[in-house]
Amino acid sequence: MKLCQADSIRVLRISDYNTTGLTGSMEMKPSPWNDLVKSSGVSNKSGESGGSFGIGKSAPFACSDLRTLFYHTLDKDGIRSYQGAANLASFQYPDERKWLKKNKGEITKGKGYGILGFIQ
């Protein structure tokens, strides 16, 4: 809670240039964008590409005090895509919360996604 009330929050920005970007952001099927942003333990790399188990993409969450990332890409087709992802702790509800439609002992989901948009 103190972090959210702070005057400023540190952020890490990683950018690349002159690449093809993460393609497939508008697709529901597996794509480089979905594999990075929305999948766990998934990799579409082949050949001599580094990594292959899809677990390295979890590392940036450890650098975020809020365990939240915002992704942005401009792909080779000129599509800009934005996505937020939070990897939060799961917890068990101590009592019944009808307004949330949650029962005592129910466990919350630890991951959340918010689509920020697409621009063509």
PDB file of N, CA and C in Angstrom:
ATOM      1  N   MET A   1       0.821  -1.187   0.000  1.00  0.00           N
ATOM      2  CA  MET A   1       0.000   0.000   0.000  1.00  0.00           C
ATOM      3  C   MET A   1       0.871   1.259   0.000  1.00  0.00           C
ATOM      4  N   LYS A   2       1.963   1.237   0.754  1.00  0.00           N
ATOM      5  CA  LYS A   2       2.838   2.413   0.805  1.00  0.00           C
ATOM      6  C   LYS A   2       3.382   2.759  -0.582  1.00  0.00           C
ATOM      7  N   LEU A   3       3.683   1.727  -1.354  1.00  0.00           N
ATOM      8  CA  LEU A   3       4.220   1.951  -2.692  1.00  0.00           C
ATOM      9  C   LEU A   3       3.228   2.720  -3.558  1.00  0.00           C
ATOM     10  N   CYS A   4       1.963   2.380  -3.474  1.00  0.00           N
ATOM     11  CA  CYS A   4       0.946   3.052  -4.283  1.00  0.00           C
ATOM     12  C   CYS A   4       0.707   4.490  -3.841  1.00  0.00           C
ATOM     13  N   GLN A   5       1.075   4.824  -2.619  1.00  0.00           N
ATOM     14  CA  GLN A   5       0.887   6.180  -2.114  1.00  0.00           C
ATOM     15  C   GLN A   5       2.139   7.034  -2.255  1.00  0.00           C
ATOM     16  N   ALA A   6       3.201   6.455  -2.779  1.00  0.00           N
ATOM     17  CA  ALA A   6       4.461   7.183  -2.939  1.00  0.00           C
ATOM     18  C   ALA A   6       4.329   8.284  -3.986  1.00  0.00           C
ATOM     19  N   ASP A   7       5.184   9.285  -3.895  1.00  0.00           N
ATOM     20  CA  ASP A   7       5.191  10.376  -4.870  1.00  0.00           C
ATOM     21  C   ASP A   7       5.647   9.902  -6.250  1.00  0.00           C
ATOM     22  N   SER A   8       6.473   8.873  -6.270  1.00  0.00           N
ATOM     23  CA  SER A   8       6.942   8.340  -7.546  1.00  0.00           C
ATOM     24  C   SER A   8       7.143   6.834  -7.407  1.00  0.00           C
ATOM     25  N   ILE A   9       7.119   6.156  -8.544  1.00  0.00           N
ATOM     26  CA  ILE A   9       7.343   4.713  -8.594  1.00  0.00           C
ATOM     27  C   ILE A   9       8.402   4.457  -9.657  1.00  0.00           C
ATOM     28  N   ARG A  10       9.443   3.709  -9.279  1.00  0.00           N
ATOM     29  CA  ARG A  10      10.500   3.395 -10.232  1.00  0.00           C
ATOM     30  C   ARG A  10       9.966   2.437 -11.300  1.00  0.00           C
ATOM     31  N   VAL A  11      10.374   2.644 -12.548  1.00  0.00           N
ATOM     32  CA  VAL A  11       9.994   1.754 -13.640  1.00  0.00           C
ATOM     33  C   VAL A  11      11.234   1.365 -14.431  1.00  0.00           C
ATOM     34  N   LEU A  12      11.165   0.222 -15.055  1.00  0.00           N
ATOM     35  CA  LEU A  12      12.214  -0.258 -15.946  1.00  0.00           C
ATOM     36  C   LEU A  12      11.622  -0.303 -17.334  1.00  0.00           C
ATOM     37  N   ARG A  13      12.294   0.320 -18.281  1.00  0.00           N
ATOM     38  CA  ARG A  13      11.832   0.300 -19.663  1.00  0.00           C
ATOM     39  C   ARG A  13      12.885  -0.393 -20.505  1.00  0.00           C
ATOM     40  N   ILE A  14      12.451  -1.350 -21.304  1.00  0.00           N
ATOM     41  CA  ILE A  14      13.336  -2.061 -22.221  1.00  0.00           C
ATOM     42  C   ILE A  14      12.790  -1.840 -23.621  1.00  0.00           C
ATOM     43  N   SER A  15      13.630  -1.384 -24.515  1.00  0.00           N
ATOM     44  CA  SER A  15      13.200  -1.090 -25.885  1.00  0.00           C
ATOM     45  C   SER A  15      14.134  -1.756 -26.878  1.00  0.00           C
ATOM     46  N   ASP A  16      13.599  -2.078 -28.029  1.00  0.00           N
ATOM     47  CA  ASP A  16      14.440  -2.537 -29.127  1.00  0.00           C
ATOM     48  C   ASP A  16      14.009  -1.813 -30.391  1.00  0.00           C
ATOM     49  N   TYR A  17      14.914  -1.728 -31.333  1.00  0.00           N
ATOM     50  CA  TYR A  17      14.668  -0.995 -32.572  1.00  0.00           C
ATOM     51  C   TYR A  17      15.168  -1.812 -33.746  1.00  0.00           C
ATOM     52  N   ASN A  18      14.623  -1.528 -34.916  1.00  0.00           N
ATOM     53  CA  ASN A  18      15.009  -2.206 -36.156  1.00  0.00           C
ATOM     54  C   ASN A  18      14.774  -3.715 -36.074  1.00  0.00           C
ATOM     55  N   THR A  19      13.656  -4.108 -35.471  1.00  0.00           N
ATOM     56  CA  THR A  19      13.272  -5.513 -35.401  1.00  0.00           C
ATOM     57  C   THR A  19      11.907  -5.673 -36.075  1.00  0.00           C
ATOM     58  N   THR A  20      11.410  -6.889 -36.145  1.00  0.00           N
ATOM     59  CA  THR A  20      10.095  -7.129 -36.751  1.00  0.00           C
ATOM     60  C   THR A  20       8.965  -6.865 -35.747  1.00  0.00           C
ATOM     61  N   GLY A  21       9.309  -6.672 -34.486  1.00  0.00           N
ATOM     62  CA  GLY A  21       8.284  -6.485 -33.465  1.00  0.00           C
ATOM     63  C   GLY A  21       7.651  -7.822 -33.110  1.00  0.00           C
ATOM     64  N   LEU A  22       6.776  -7.804 -32.129  1.00  0.00           N
ATOM     65  CA  LEU A  22       6.078  -9.021 -31.725  1.00  0.00           C
ATOM     66  C   LEU A  22       4.800  -9.130 -32.544  1.00  0.00           C
ATOM     67  N   THR A  23       4.802 -10.014 -33.499  1.00  0.00           N
ATOM     68  CA  THR A  23       3.656 -10.170 -34.393  1.00  0.00           C
ATOM     69  C   THR A  23       2.559 -10.999 -33.732  1.00  0.00           C
ATOM     70  N   GLY A  24       1.354 -10.887 -34.265  1.00  0.00           N
ATOM     71  CA  GLY A  24       0.244 -11.718 -33.832  1.00  0.00           C
ATOM     72  C   GLY A  24      -0.557 -11.183 -32.672  1.00  0.00           C
ATOM     73  N   SER A  25      -0.459  -9.908 -32.375  1.00  0.00           N
ATOM     74  CA  SER A  25      -1.170  -9.351 -31.225  1.00  0.00           C
ATOM     75  C   SER A  25      -2.682  -9.335 -31.405  1.00  0.00           C
ATOM     76  N   MET A  26      -3.147  -9.372 -32.627  1.00  0.00           N
ATOM     77  CA  MET A  26      -4.594  -9.343 -32.870  1.00  0.00           C
ATOM     78  C   MET A  26      -5.169 -10.742 -33.066  1.00  0.00           C
ATOM     79  N   GLU A  27      -4.345 -11.765 -32.881  1.00  0.00           N
ATOM     80  CA  GLU A  27      -4.772 -13.142 -33.077  1.00  0.00           C
ATOM     81  C   GLU A  27      -5.080 -13.810 -31.743  1.00  0.00           C
ATOM     82  N   MET A  28      -6.010 -14.743 -31.749  1.00  0.00           N
ATOM     83  CA  MET A  28      -6.328 -15.517 -30.554  1.00  0.00           C
ATOM     84  C   MET A  28      -5.452 -16.763 -30.454  1.00  0.00           C
ATOM     85  N   LYS A  29      -4.943 -17.222 -31.588  1.00  0.00           N
ATOM     86  CA  LYS A  29      -4.122 -18.430 -31.594  1.00  0.00           C
ATOM     87  C   LYS A  29      -2.702 -18.107 -31.131  1.00  0.00           C
ATOM     88  N   PRO A  30      -1.899 -19.126 -30.864  1.00  0.00           N
ATOM     89  CA  PRO A  30      -0.519 -18.867 -30.451  1.00  0.00           C
ATOM     90  C   PRO A  30       0.222 -18.004 -31.459  1.00  0.00           C
ATOM     91  N   SER A  31       0.946 -17.034 -30.944  1.00  0.00           N
ATOM     92  CA  SER A  31       1.744 -16.129 -31.767  1.00  0.00           C
ATOM     93  C   SER A  31       2.875 -15.617 -30.893  1.00  0.00           C
ATOM     94  N   PRO A  32       3.892 -15.004 -31.467  1.00  0.00           N
ATOM     95  CA  PRO A  32       4.968 -14.459 -30.641  1.00  0.00           C
ATOM     96  C   PRO A  32       4.451 -13.507 -29.546  1.00  0.00           C
ATOM     97  N   TRP A  33       3.463 -12.652 -29.877  1.00  0.00           N
ATOM     98  CA  TRP A  33       2.900 -11.717 -28.888  1.00  0.00           C
ATOM     99  C   TRP A  33       2.208 -12.475 -27.760  1.00  0.00           C
ATOM    100  N   ASN A  34       1.295 -13.368 -28.107  1.00  0.00           N
ATOM    101  CA  ASN A  34       0.564 -14.122 -27.089  1.00  0.00           C
ATOM    102  C   ASN A  34       1.474 -15.029 -26.272  1.00  0.00           C
ATOM    103  N   ASP A  35       2.492 -15.598 -26.902  1.00  0.00           N
ATOM    104  CA  ASP A  35       3.421 -16.460 -26.177  1.00  0.00           C
ATOM    105  C   ASP A  35       4.193 -15.679 -25.113  1.00  0.00           C
ATOM    106  N   LEU A  36       4.539 -14.453 -25.400  1.00  0.00           N
ATOM    107  CA  LEU A  36       5.265 -13.636 -24.422  1.00  0.00           C
ATOM    108  C   LEU A  36       4.334 -13.078 -23.360  1.00  0.00           C
ATOM    109  N   VAL A  37       3.243 -12.480 -23.786  1.00  0.00           N
ATOM    110  CA  VAL A  37       2.413 -11.685 -22.885  1.00  0.00           C
ATOM    111  C   VAL A  37       1.404 -12.510 -22.090  1.00  0.00           C
ATOM    112  N   LYS A  38       0.809 -13.537 -22.689  1.00  0.00           N
ATOM    113  CA  LYS A  38      -0.315 -14.220 -22.046  1.00  0.00           C
ATOM    114  C   LYS A  38      -0.092 -15.681 -21.696  1.00  0.00           C
ATOM    115  N   SER A  39       0.989 -16.292 -22.131  1.00  0.00           N
ATOM    116  CA  SER A  39       1.181 -17.725 -21.916  1.00  0.00           C
ATOM    117  C   SER A  39       2.226 -17.993 -20.843  1.00  0.00           C
ATOM    118  N   SER A  40       2.105 -19.142 -20.210  1.00  0.00           N
ATOM    119  CA  SER A  40       3.084 -19.577 -19.208  1.00  0.00           C
ATOM    120  C   SER A  40       3.751 -20.858 -19.685  1.00  0.00           C
ATOM    121  N   GLY A  41       5.068 -20.919 -19.575  1.00  0.00           N
ATOM    122  CA  GLY A  41       5.793 -22.122 -19.956  1.00  0.00           C
ATOM    123  C   GLY A  41       5.702 -22.458 -21.421  1.00  0.00           C
ATOM    124  N   VAL A  42       5.516 -21.437 -22.264  1.00  0.00           N
ATOM    125  CA  VAL A  42       5.353 -21.644 -23.703  1.00  0.00           C
ATOM    126  C   VAL A  42       6.480 -20.928 -24.435  1.00  0.00           C
ATOM    127  N   SER A  43       7.018 -21.586 -25.428  1.00  0.00           N
ATOM    128  CA  SER A  43       8.029 -20.967 -26.274  1.00  0.00           C
ATOM    129  C   SER A  43       7.801 -21.431 -27.706  1.00  0.00           C
ATOM    130  N   ASN A  44       7.968 -20.530 -28.655  1.00  0.00           N
ATOM    131  CA  ASN A  44       7.817 -20.914 -30.063  1.00  0.00           C
ATOM    132  C   ASN A  44       9.158 -20.851 -30.786  1.00  0.00           C
ATOM    133  N   LYS A  45      10.237 -20.831 -30.023  1.00  0.00           N
ATOM    134  CA  LYS A  45      11.559 -20.740 -30.638  1.00  0.00           C
ATOM    135  C   LYS A  45      11.995 -22.097 -31.174  1.00  0.00           C
ATOM    136  N   SER A  46      12.822 -22.043 -32.205  1.00  0.00           N
ATOM    137  CA  SER A  46      13.363 -23.271 -32.781  1.00  0.00           C
ATOM    138  C   SER A  46      14.786 -23.004 -33.228  1.00  0.00           C
ATOM    139  N   GLY A  47      15.440 -24.039 -33.626  1.00  0.00           N
ATOM    140  CA  GLY A  47      16.799 -23.892 -34.138  1.00  0.00           C
ATOM    141  C   GLY A  47      17.769 -23.495 -33.044  1.00  0.00           C
ATOM    142  N   GLU A  48      18.575 -22.465 -33.322  1.00  0.00           N
ATOM    143  CA  GLU A  48      19.617 -22.066 -32.393  1.00  0.00           C
ATOM    144  C   GLU A  48      19.240 -20.853 -31.556  1.00  0.00           C
ATOM    145  N   SER A  49      17.956 -20.544 -31.459  1.00  0.00           N
ATOM    146  CA  SER A  49      17.501 -19.431 -30.625  1.00  0.00           C
ATOM    147  C   SER A  49      17.774 -19.749 -29.167  1.00  0.00           C
ATOM    148  N   GLY A  50      18.065 -18.708 -28.408  1.00  0.00           N
ATOM    149  CA  GLY A  50      18.294 -18.897 -26.977  1.00  0.00           C
ATOM    150  C   GLY A  50      17.015 -19.249 -26.258  1.00  0.00           C
ATOM    151  N   GLY A  51      17.126 -20.050 -25.204  1.00  0.00           N
ATOM    152  CA  GLY A  51      15.966 -20.427 -24.397  1.00  0.00           C
ATOM    153  C   GLY A  51      15.054 -21.366 -25.155  1.00  0.00           C
ATOM    154  N   SER A  52      14.188 -22.049 -24.420  1.00  0.00           N
ATOM    155  CA  SER A  52      13.231 -22.906 -25.103  1.00  0.00           C
ATOM    156  C   SER A  52      12.077 -23.321 -24.203  1.00  0.00           C
ATOM    157  N   PHE A  53      12.087 -22.932 -22.949  1.00  0.00           N
ATOM    158  CA  PHE A  53      11.052 -23.383 -22.026  1.00  0.00           C
ATOM    159  C   PHE A  53      10.044 -22.294 -21.671  1.00  0.00           C
ATOM    160  N   GLY A  54      10.259 -21.066 -22.131  1.00  0.00           N
ATOM    161  CA  GLY A  54       9.301 -19.996 -21.903  1.00  0.00           C
ATOM    162  C   GLY A  54       9.247 -19.493 -20.474  1.00  0.00           C
ATOM    163  N   ILE A  55      10.300 -19.746 -19.683  1.00  0.00           N
ATOM    164  CA  ILE A  55      10.266 -19.303 -18.291  1.00  0.00           C
ATOM    165  C   ILE A  55      11.039 -18.003 -18.060  1.00  0.00           C
ATOM    166  N   GLY A  56      11.920 -17.636 -18.970  1.00  0.00           N
ATOM    167  CA  GLY A  56      12.685 -16.398 -18.821  1.00  0.00           C
ATOM    168  C   GLY A  56      11.811 -15.163 -18.867  1.00  0.00           C
ATOM    169  N   LYS A  57      10.671 -15.259 -19.522  1.00  0.00           N
ATOM    170  CA  LYS A  57       9.774 -14.102 -19.624  1.00  0.00           C
ATOM    171  C   LYS A  57       9.145 -13.748 -18.289  1.00  0.00           C
ATOM    172  N   SER A  58       9.275 -14.612 -17.277  1.00  0.00           N
ATOM    173  CA  SER A  58       8.758 -14.310 -15.935  1.00  0.00           C
ATOM    174  C   SER A  58       9.728 -13.438 -15.143  1.00  0.00           C
ATOM    175  N   ALA A  59      10.980 -13.369 -15.556  1.00  0.00           N
ATOM    176  CA  ALA A  59      11.997 -12.626 -14.818  1.00  0.00           C
ATOM    177  C   ALA A  59      11.669 -11.143 -14.611  1.00  0.00           C
ATOM    178  N   PRO A  60      11.117 -10.428 -15.601  1.00  0.00           N
ATOM    179  CA  PRO A  60      10.842  -9.002 -15.376  1.00  0.00           C
ATOM    180  C   PRO A  60       9.868  -8.738 -14.221  1.00  0.00           C
ATOM    181  N   PHE A  61       8.982  -9.684 -13.918  1.00  0.00           N
ATOM    182  CA  PHE A  61       8.058  -9.491 -12.798  1.00  0.00           C
ATOM    183  C   PHE A  61       8.815  -9.326 -11.480  1.00  0.00           C
ATOM    184  N   ALA A  62       9.966  -9.974 -11.372  1.00  0.00           N
ATOM    185  CA  ALA A  62      10.774  -9.867 -10.153  1.00  0.00           C
ATOM    186  C   ALA A  62      11.383  -8.475 -10.002  1.00  0.00           C
ATOM    187  N   CYS A  63      11.482  -7.728 -11.087  1.00  0.00           N
ATOM    188  CA  CYS A  63      12.044  -6.374 -11.053  1.00  0.00           C
ATOM    189  C   CYS A  63      10.987  -5.323 -10.739  1.00  0.00           C
ATOM    190  N   SER A  64       9.749  -5.739 -10.606  1.00  0.00           N
ATOM    191  CA  SER A  64       8.652  -4.804 -10.379  1.00  0.00           C
ATOM    192  C   SER A  64       8.105  -4.970  -8.972  1.00  0.00           C
ATOM    193  N   ASP A  65       8.176  -3.904  -8.177  1.00  0.00           N
ATOM    194  CA  ASP A  65       7.617  -3.945  -6.831  1.00  0.00           C
ATOM    195  C   ASP A  65       6.119  -4.207  -6.872  1.00  0.00           C
ATOM    196  N   LEU A  66       5.459  -3.785  -7.940  1.00  0.00           N
ATOM    197  CA  LEU A  66       4.023  -4.023  -8.104  1.00  0.00           C
ATOM    198  C   LEU A  66       3.729  -5.315  -8.857  1.00  0.00           C
ATOM    199  N   ARG A  67       4.795  -6.044  -9.273  1.00  0.00           N
ATOM    200  CA  ARG A  67       4.652  -7.289 -10.034  1.00  0.00           C
ATOM    201  C   ARG A  67       3.741  -7.087 -11.248  1.00  0.00           C
ATOM    202  N   THR A  68       3.930  -5.939 -11.895  1.00  0.00           N
ATOM    203  CA  THR A  68       3.093  -5.541 -13.021  1.00  0.00           C
ATOM    204  C   THR A  68       3.980  -5.088 -14.179  1.00  0.00           C
ATOM    205  N   LEU A  69       3.620  -5.507 -15.382  1.00  0.00           N
ATOM    206  CA  LEU A  69       4.357  -5.124 -16.585  1.00  0.00           C
ATOM    207  C   LEU A  69       3.399  -4.518 -17.595  1.00  0.00           C
ATOM    208  N   PHE A  70       3.917  -3.628 -18.410  1.00  0.00           N
ATOM    209  CA  PHE A  70       3.171  -3.068 -19.526  1.00  0.00           C
ATOM    210  C   PHE A  70       3.983  -3.335 -20.774  1.00  0.00           C
ATOM    211  N   TYR A  71       3.372  -4.000 -21.734  1.00  0.00           N
ATOM    212  CA  TYR A  71       4.040  -4.334 -22.990  1.00  0.00           C
ATOM    213  C   TYR A  71       3.540  -3.415 -24.099  1.00  0.00           C
ATOM    214  N   HIS A  72       4.441  -3.125 -25.029  1.00  0.00           N
ATOM    215  CA  HIS A  72       4.097  -2.323 -26.207  1.00  0.00           C
ATOM    216  C   HIS A  72       4.943  -2.839 -27.355  1.00  0.00           C
ATOM    217  N   THR A  73       4.348  -2.965 -28.522  1.00  0.00           N
ATOM    218  CA  THR A  73       5.115  -3.340 -29.699  1.00  0.00           C
ATOM    219  C   THR A  73       4.600  -2.584 -30.916  1.00  0.00           C
ATOM    220  N   LEU A  74       5.469  -2.369 -31.847  1.00  0.00           N
ATOM    221  CA  LEU A  74       5.125  -1.873 -33.177  1.00  0.00           C
ATOM    222  C   LEU A  74       5.657  -2.945 -34.119  1.00  0.00           C
ATOM    223  N   ASP A  75       4.749  -3.742 -34.704  1.00  0.00           N
ATOM    224  CA  ASP A  75       5.221  -4.870 -35.503  1.00  0.00           C
ATOM    225  C   ASP A  75       5.495  -4.472 -36.957  1.00  0.00           C
ATOM    226  N   LYS A  76       5.983  -5.421 -37.712  1.00  0.00           N
ATOM    227  CA  LYS A  76       6.398  -5.175 -39.103  1.00  0.00           C
ATOM    228  C   LYS A  76       5.249  -4.754 -40.004  1.00  0.00           C
ATOM    229  N   ASP A  77       3.994  -5.011 -39.574  1.00  0.00           N
ATOM    230  CA  ASP A  77       2.819  -4.623 -40.353  1.00  0.00           C
ATOM    231  C   ASP A  77       2.271  -3.263 -39.924  1.00  0.00           C
ATOM    232  N   GLY A  78       2.982  -2.585 -39.014  1.00  0.00           N
ATOM    233  CA  GLY A  78       2.557  -1.269 -38.563  1.00  0.00           C
ATOM    234  C   GLY A  78       1.503  -1.287 -37.460  1.00  0.00           C
ATOM    235  N   ILE A  79       1.274  -2.437 -36.849  1.00  0.00           N
ATOM    236  CA  ILE A  79       0.284  -2.540 -35.770  1.00  0.00           C
ATOM    237  C   ILE A  79       0.965  -2.294 -34.426  1.00  0.00           C
ATOM    238  N   ARG A  80       0.446  -1.308 -33.703  1.00  0.00           N
ATOM    239  CA  ARG A  80       0.916  -1.034 -32.345  1.00  0.00           C
ATOM    240  C   ARG A  80      -0.017  -1.754 -31.382  1.00  0.00           C
ATOM    241  N   SER A  81       0.557  -2.472 -30.428  1.00  0.00           N
ATOM    242  CA  SER A  81      -0.250  -3.194 -29.449  1.00  0.00           C
ATOM    243  C   SER A  81       0.252  -2.881 -28.050  1.00  0.00           C
ATOM    244  N   TYR A  82      -0.685  -2.833 -27.119  1.00  0.00           N
ATOM    245  CA  TYR A  82      -0.389  -2.521 -25.728  1.00  0.00           C
ATOM    246  C   TYR A  82      -1.084  -3.539 -24.843  1.00  0.00           C
ATOM    247  N   GLN A  83      -0.419  -3.986 -23.799  1.00  0.00           N
ATOM    248  CA  GLN A  83      -0.999  -4.971 -22.886  1.00  0.00           C
ATOM    249  C   GLN A  83      -0.393  -4.790 -21.502  1.00  0.00           C
ATOM    250  N   GLY A  84      -1.232  -4.831 -20.491  1.00  0.00           N
ATOM    251  CA  GLY A  84      -0.766  -4.827 -19.112  1.00  0.00           C
ATOM    252  C   GLY A  84      -0.926  -6.220 -18.540  1.00  0.00           C
ATOM    253  N   ALA A  85      -0.007  -6.632 -17.668  1.00  0.00           N
ATOM    254  CA  ALA A  85      -0.092  -7.945 -17.030  1.00  0.00           C
ATOM    255  C   ALA A  85       0.380  -7.814 -15.592  1.00  0.00           C
ATOM    256  N   ALA A  86      -0.372  -8.390 -14.674  1.00  0.00           N
ATOM    257  CA  ALA A  86      -0.003  -8.391 -13.262  1.00  0.00           C
ATOM    258  C   ALA A  86       0.115  -9.833 -12.792  1.00  0.00           C
ATOM    259  N   ASN A  87       1.180 -10.130 -12.071  1.00  0.00           N
ATOM    260  CA  ASN A  87       1.416 -11.453 -11.528  1.00  0.00           C
ATOM    261  C   ASN A  87       1.406 -11.307 -10.013  1.00  0.00           C
ATOM    262  N   LEU A  88       0.212 -11.384  -9.434  1.00  0.00           N
ATOM    263  CA  LEU A  88       0.023 -11.105  -8.015  1.00  0.00           C
ATOM    264  C   LEU A  88      -0.096 -12.396  -7.214  1.00  0.00           C
ATOM    265  N   ALA A  89       0.001 -12.274  -5.915  1.00  0.00           N
ATOM    266  CA  ALA A  89      -0.132 -13.434  -5.039  1.00  0.00           C
ATOM    267  C   ALA A  89      -1.588 -13.864  -4.951  1.00  0.00           C
ATOM    268  N   SER A  90      -1.815 -15.159  -4.925  1.00  0.00           N
ATOM    269  CA  SER A  90      -3.151 -15.683  -4.680  1.00  0.00           C
ATOM    270  C   SER A  90      -3.378 -15.715  -3.174  1.00  0.00           C
ATOM    271  N   PHE A  91      -4.618 -15.569  -2.765  1.00  0.00           N
ATOM    272  CA  PHE A  91      -4.931 -15.707  -1.346  1.00  0.00           C
ATOM    273  C   PHE A  91      -6.309 -16.307  -1.186  1.00  0.00           C
ATOM    274  N   GLN A  92      -6.554 -16.792   0.011  1.00  0.00           N
ATOM    275  CA  GLN A  92      -7.821 -17.442   0.315  1.00  0.00           C
ATOM    276  C   GLN A  92      -8.718 -16.456   1.041  1.00  0.00           C
ATOM    277  N   TYR A  93      -9.979 -16.330   0.593  1.00  0.00           N
ATOM    278  CA  TYR A  93     -10.923 -15.434   1.247  1.00  0.00           C
ATOM    279  C   TYR A  93     -11.230 -15.946   2.655  1.00  0.00           C
ATOM    280  N   PRO A  94     -11.099 -15.079   3.659  1.00  0.00           N
ATOM    281  CA  PRO A  94     -11.337 -15.514   5.042  1.00  0.00           C
ATOM    282  C   PRO A  94     -12.821 -15.628   5.390  1.00  0.00           C
ATOM    283  N   ASP A  95     -13.681 -14.988   4.614  1.00  0.00           N
ATOM    284  CA  ASP A  95     -15.115 -15.021   4.889  1.00  0.00           C
ATOM    285  C   ASP A  95     -15.878 -14.926   3.573  1.00  0.00           C
ATOM    286  N   GLU A  96     -17.170 -15.058   3.625  1.00  0.00           N
ATOM    287  CA  GLU A  96     -17.994 -14.992   2.409  1.00  0.00           C
ATOM    288  C   GLU A  96     -18.161 -13.538   1.995  1.00  0.00           C
ATOM    289  N   ARG A  97     -18.038 -13.267   0.730  1.00  0.00           N
ATOM    290  CA  ARG A  97     -18.182 -11.909   0.203  1.00  0.00           C
ATOM    291  C   ARG A  97     -19.179 -11.949  -0.945  1.00  0.00           C
ATOM    292  N   LYS A  98     -20.426 -11.822  -0.603  1.00  0.00           N
ATOM    293  CA  LYS A  98     -21.480 -11.953  -1.616  1.00  0.00           C
ATOM    294  C   LYS A  98     -21.373 -10.893  -2.700  1.00  0.00           C
ATOM    295  N   TRP A  99     -20.972  -9.687  -2.337  1.00  0.00           N
ATOM    296  CA  TRP A  99     -20.873  -8.622  -3.333  1.00  0.00           C
ATOM    297  C   TRP A  99     -19.800  -8.922  -4.368  1.00  0.00           C
ATOM    298  N   LEU A 100     -18.818  -9.753  -4.012  1.00  0.00           N
ATOM    299  CA  LEU A 100     -17.803 -10.187  -4.964  1.00  0.00           C
ATOM    300  C   LEU A 100     -18.119 -11.558  -5.546  1.00  0.00           C
ATOM    301  N   LYS A 101     -19.206 -12.177  -5.025  1.00  0.00           N
ATOM    302  CA  LYS A 101     -19.576 -13.538  -5.416  1.00  0.00           C
ATOM    303  C   LYS A 101     -18.439 -14.512  -5.117  1.00  0.00           C
ATOM    304  N   LYS A 102     -17.831 -14.333  -3.928  1.00  0.00           N
ATOM    305  CA  LYS A 102     -16.739 -15.194  -3.473  1.00  0.00           C
ATOM    306  C   LYS A 102     -17.154 -15.904  -2.196  1.00  0.00           C
ATOM    307  N   ASN A 103     -16.823 -17.177  -2.095  1.00  0.00           N
ATOM    308  CA  ASN A 103     -17.152 -17.971  -0.924  1.00  0.00           C
ATOM    309  C   ASN A 103     -15.951 -18.087   0.004  1.00  0.00           C
ATOM    310  N   LYS A 104     -16.223 -18.309   1.284  1.00  0.00           N
ATOM    311  CA  LYS A 104     -15.163 -18.503   2.257  1.00  0.00           C
ATOM    312  C   LYS A 104     -14.268 -19.655   1.799  1.00  0.00           C
ATOM    313  N   GLY A 105     -12.960 -19.433   1.854  1.00  0.00           N
ATOM    314  CA  GLY A 105     -12.000 -20.450   1.459  1.00  0.00           C
ATOM    315  C   GLY A 105     -11.664 -20.461  -0.020  1.00  0.00           C
ATOM    316  N   GLU A 106     -12.407 -19.734  -0.838  1.00  0.00           N
ATOM    317  CA  GLU A 106     -12.108 -19.678  -2.274  1.00  0.00           C
ATOM    318  C   GLU A 106     -10.774 -18.986  -2.475  1.00  0.00           C
ATOM    319  N   ILE A 107     -10.004 -19.466  -3.432  1.00  0.00           N
ATOM    320  CA  ILE A 107      -8.671 -18.915  -3.691  1.00  0.00           C
ATOM    321  C   ILE A 107      -8.721 -18.000  -4.913  1.00  0.00           C
ATOM    322  N   THR A 108      -8.129 -16.822  -4.778  1.00  0.00           N
ATOM    323  CA  THR A 108      -8.108 -15.858  -5.874  1.00  0.00           C
ATOM    324  C   THR A 108      -7.109 -16.288  -6.937  1.00  0.00           C
ATOM    325  N   LYS A 109      -7.285 -15.773  -8.128  1.00  0.00           N
ATOM    326  CA  LYS A 109      -6.354 -16.002  -9.227  1.00  0.00           C
ATOM    327  C   LYS A 109      -5.222 -14.989  -9.106  1.00  0.00           C
ATOM    328  N   GLY A 110      -4.009 -15.411  -9.365  1.00  0.00           N
ATOM    329  CA  GLY A 110      -2.867 -14.536  -9.197  1.00  0.00           C
ATOM    330  C   GLY A 110      -2.473 -13.746 -10.426  1.00  0.00           C
ATOM    331  N   LYS A 111      -3.080 -14.030 -11.587  1.00  0.00           N
ATOM    332  CA  LYS A 111      -2.694 -13.329 -12.808  1.00  0.00           C
ATOM    333  C   LYS A 111      -3.854 -12.523 -13.338  1.00  0.00           C
ATOM    334  N   GLY A 112      -3.541 -11.343 -13.828  1.00  0.00           N
ATOM    335  CA  GLY A 112      -4.561 -10.502 -14.432  1.00  0.00           C
ATOM    336  C   GLY A 112      -4.012  -9.823 -15.663  1.00  0.00           C
ATOM    337  N   TYR A 113      -4.871  -9.641 -16.662  1.00  0.00           N
ATOM    338  CA  TYR A 113      -4.467  -9.013 -17.908  1.00  0.00           C
ATOM    339  C   TYR A 113      -5.444  -7.904 -18.244  1.00  0.00           C
ATOM    340  N   GLY A 114      -4.939  -6.845 -18.812  1.00  0.00           N
ATOM    341  CA  GLY A 114      -5.786  -5.770 -19.294  1.00  0.00           C
ATOM    342  C   GLY A 114      -5.326  -5.350 -20.667  1.00  0.00           C
ATOM    343  N   ILE A 115      -6.202  -5.439 -21.645  1.00  0.00           N
ATOM    344  CA  ILE A 115      -5.838  -4.998 -22.991  1.00  0.00           C
ATOM    345  C   ILE A 115      -5.898  -3.489 -23.027  1.00  0.00           C
ATOM    346  N   LEU A 116      -4.811  -2.895 -23.367  1.00  0.00           N
ATOM    347  CA  LEU A 116      -4.733  -1.450 -23.427  1.00  0.00           C
ATOM    348  C   LEU A 116      -5.060  -0.918 -24.807  1.00  0.00           C
ATOM    349  N   GLY A 117      -4.922  -1.745 -25.844  1.00  0.00           N
ATOM    350  CA  GLY A 117      -5.343  -1.282 -27.154  1.00  0.00           C
ATOM    351  C   GLY A 117      -4.505  -1.760 -28.322  1.00  0.00           C
ATOM    352  N   PHE A 118      -5.065  -1.542 -29.484  1.00  0.00           N
ATOM    353  CA  PHE A 118      -4.405  -1.818 -30.758  1.00  0.00           C
ATOM    354  C   PHE A 118      -4.566  -0.567 -31.624  1.00  0.00           C
ATOM    355  N   ILE A 119      -3.543  -0.263 -32.386  1.00  0.00           N
ATOM    356  CA  ILE A 119      -3.634   0.853 -33.330  1.00  0.00           C
ATOM    357  C   ILE A 119      -3.051   0.368 -34.651  1.00  0.00           C
ATOM    358  N   GLN A 120      -3.841   0.471 -35.709  1.00  0.00           N
ATOM    359  CA  GLN A 120      -3.339   0.080 -37.032  1.00  0.00           C
ATOM    360  C   GLN A 120      -3.016   1.301 -37.839  1.00  0.00           C
TER     361      GLN A 120
END
